[in-house]
Amino acid sequence: MATLDEIAQEKQRISERIARLDAERTKLGDQLNELEIAERVLRRYGGKADTTEGRRGRPARTAPAAGRQRSARGGQQHLPARL
């Protein structure tokens, strides 16, 4: 049968191992967070700058719509006044 001293030593050894594992888990969690951030950045900006693959939203207009004029102030459109 184990003595109290042996039990205390084993408990101390296990506590130290748990502390080391907890520190390693924290370190690995931080590394994982950094990798996830890098992955998001690469997904967003990693392609060629001149390609539009994977973009969402409206395509850019190549020419202004016919019948509409833009003013020099703020790009506002001149539309006929309503009565």
C-alpha atoms as a PDB file:
ATOM      1  CA  MET A   1       0.000   0.000   0.000  1.00  0.00           C
ATOM      2  CA  ALA A   2       1.267   3.463  -0.903  1.00  0.00           C
ATOM      3  CA  THR A   3       2.306   5.769   1.860  1.00  0.00           C
ATOM      4  CA  LEU A   4       0.980   9.271   2.296  1.00  0.00           C
ATOM      5  CA  ASP A   5       4.298  10.667   1.099  1.00  0.00           C
ATOM      6  CA  GLU A   6       4.113   8.676  -2.164  1.00  0.00           C
ATOM      7  CA  ILE A   7       0.543   9.801  -2.728  1.00  0.00           C
ATOM      8  CA  ALA A   8       1.511  13.440  -2.181  1.00  0.00           C
ATOM      9  CA  GLN A   9       4.418  13.110  -4.621  1.00  0.00           C
ATOM     10  CA  GLU A  10       2.163  11.544  -7.264  1.00  0.00           C
ATOM     11  CA  LYS A  11      -0.431  14.268  -6.740  1.00  0.00           C
ATOM     12  CA  GLN A  12       2.285  16.929  -7.166  1.00  0.00           C
ATOM     13  CA  ARG A  13       3.583  15.261 -10.341  1.00  0.00           C
ATOM     14  CA  ILE A  14       0.088  15.095 -11.835  1.00  0.00           C
ATOM     15  CA  SER A  15      -0.620  18.735 -10.897  1.00  0.00           C
ATOM     16  CA  GLU A  16       2.584  19.864 -12.630  1.00  0.00           C
ATOM     17  CA  ARG A  17       1.692  17.853 -15.734  1.00  0.00           C
ATOM     18  CA  ILE A  18      -1.785  19.402 -15.815  1.00  0.00           C
ATOM     19  CA  ALA A  19      -0.270  22.885 -15.541  1.00  0.00           C
ATOM     20  CA  ARG A  20       2.103  22.162 -18.459  1.00  0.00           C
ATOM     21  CA  LEU A  21      -0.753  20.795 -20.571  1.00  0.00           C
ATOM     22  CA  ASP A  22      -2.901  23.817 -19.777  1.00  0.00           C
ATOM     23  CA  ALA A  23      -0.093  26.183 -20.818  1.00  0.00           C
ATOM     24  CA  GLU A  24       0.411  24.231 -24.048  1.00  0.00           C
ATOM     25  CA  ARG A  25      -3.342  24.289 -24.741  1.00  0.00           C
ATOM     26  CA  THR A  26      -3.381  28.069 -24.290  1.00  0.00           C
ATOM     27  CA  LYS A  27      -0.392  28.468 -26.623  1.00  0.00           C
ATOM     28  CA  LEU A  28      -1.965  26.238 -29.277  1.00  0.00           C
ATOM     29  CA  GLY A  29      -5.256  28.113 -28.975  1.00  0.00           C
ATOM     30  CA  ASP A  30      -3.460  31.414 -29.595  1.00  0.00           C
ATOM     31  CA  GLN A  31      -1.685  29.943 -32.631  1.00  0.00           C
ATOM     32  CA  LEU A  32      -4.982  28.640 -33.976  1.00  0.00           C
ATOM     33  CA  ASN A  33      -6.557  32.083 -33.621  1.00  0.00           C
ATOM     34  CA  GLU A  34      -3.643  33.660 -35.514  1.00  0.00           C
ATOM     35  CA  LEU A  35      -3.936  31.068 -38.285  1.00  0.00           C
ATOM     36  CA  GLU A  36      -7.691  31.668 -38.593  1.00  0.00           C
ATOM     37  CA  ILE A  37      -7.080  35.414 -38.881  1.00  0.00           C
ATOM     38  CA  ALA A  38      -4.403  34.854 -41.525  1.00  0.00           C
ATOM     39  CA  GLU A  39      -6.741  32.529 -43.415  1.00  0.00           C
ATOM     40  CA  ARG A  40      -9.496  35.173 -43.465  1.00  0.00           C
ATOM     41  CA  VAL A  41      -7.037  37.828 -44.679  1.00  0.00           C
ATOM     42  CA  LEU A  42      -5.713  35.564 -47.425  1.00  0.00           C
ATOM     43  CA  ARG A  43      -9.215  34.612 -48.469  1.00  0.00           C
ATOM     44  CA  ARG A  44     -10.134  38.279 -48.713  1.00  0.00           C
ATOM     45  CA  TYR A  45      -6.956  39.802 -50.175  1.00  0.00           C
ATOM     46  CA  GLY A  46      -4.837  36.872 -51.255  1.00  0.00           C
ATOM     47  CA  GLY A  47      -5.783  36.699 -54.938  1.00  0.00           C
ATOM     48  CA  LYS A  48      -4.490  38.823 -57.776  1.00  0.00           C
ATOM     49  CA  ALA A  49      -5.426  42.464 -57.388  1.00  0.00           C
ATOM     50  CA  ASP A  50      -6.908  42.752 -60.887  1.00  0.00           C
ATOM     51  CA  THR A  51      -9.247  39.759 -60.758  1.00  0.00           C
ATOM     52  CA  THR A  52     -12.856  39.924 -59.675  1.00  0.00           C
ATOM     53  CA  GLU A  53     -13.384  36.223 -59.057  1.00  0.00           C
ATOM     54  CA  GLY A  54     -15.298  35.529 -55.905  1.00  0.00           C
ATOM     55  CA  ARG A  55     -16.505  39.083 -55.455  1.00  0.00           C
ATOM     56  CA  ARG A  56     -20.071  39.619 -54.437  1.00  0.00           C
ATOM     57  CA  GLY A  57     -22.355  42.479 -55.265  1.00  0.00           C
ATOM     58  CA  ARG A  58     -23.237  44.401 -58.384  1.00  0.00           C
ATOM     59  CA  PRO A  59     -20.955  44.486 -61.382  1.00  0.00           C
ATOM     60  CA  ALA A  60     -19.481  47.906 -62.133  1.00  0.00           C
ATOM     61  CA  ARG A  61     -21.269  50.047 -64.718  1.00  0.00           C
ATOM     62  CA  THR A  62     -19.267  50.868 -67.802  1.00  0.00           C
ATOM     63  CA  ALA A  63     -21.277  53.906 -68.943  1.00  0.00           C
ATOM     64  CA  PRO A  64     -23.867  56.157 -67.291  1.00  0.00           C
ATOM     65  CA  ALA A  65     -27.496  55.429 -68.098  1.00  0.00           C
ATOM     66  CA  ALA A  66     -28.957  57.330 -71.066  1.00  0.00           C
ATOM     67  CA  GLY A  67     -31.115  60.376 -70.325  1.00  0.00           C
ATOM     68  CA  ARG A  68     -29.547  61.126 -66.968  1.00  0.00           C
ATOM     69  CA  GLN A  69     -27.046  63.885 -66.362  1.00  0.00           C
ATOM     70  CA  ARG A  70     -24.840  64.239 -63.330  1.00  0.00           C
ATOM     71  CA  SER A  71     -24.146  67.585 -61.768  1.00  0.00           C
ATOM     72  CA  ALA A  72     -20.708  68.773 -60.704  1.00  0.00           C
ATOM     73  CA  ARG A  73     -21.819  68.797 -57.054  1.00  0.00           C
ATOM     74  CA  GLY A  74     -21.872  65.461 -55.276  1.00  0.00           C
ATOM     75  CA  GLY A  75     -22.794  63.411 -58.307  1.00  0.00           C
ATOM     76  CA  GLN A  76     -26.500  64.170 -57.905  1.00  0.00           C
ATOM     77  CA  GLN A  77     -28.782  63.435 -60.830  1.00  0.00           C
ATOM     78  CA  HIS A  78     -30.968  66.046 -62.529  1.00  0.00           C
ATOM     79  CA  LEU A  79     -34.455  64.648 -62.777  1.00  0.00           C
ATOM     80  CA  PRO A  80     -37.586  66.478 -63.926  1.00  0.00           C
ATOM     81  CA  ALA A  81     -39.499  68.065 -61.074  1.00  0.00           C
ATOM     82  CA  ARG A  82     -42.759  66.424 -60.101  1.00  0.00           C
ATOM     83  CA  LEU A  83     -45.930  68.464 -60.085  1.00  0.00           C
END
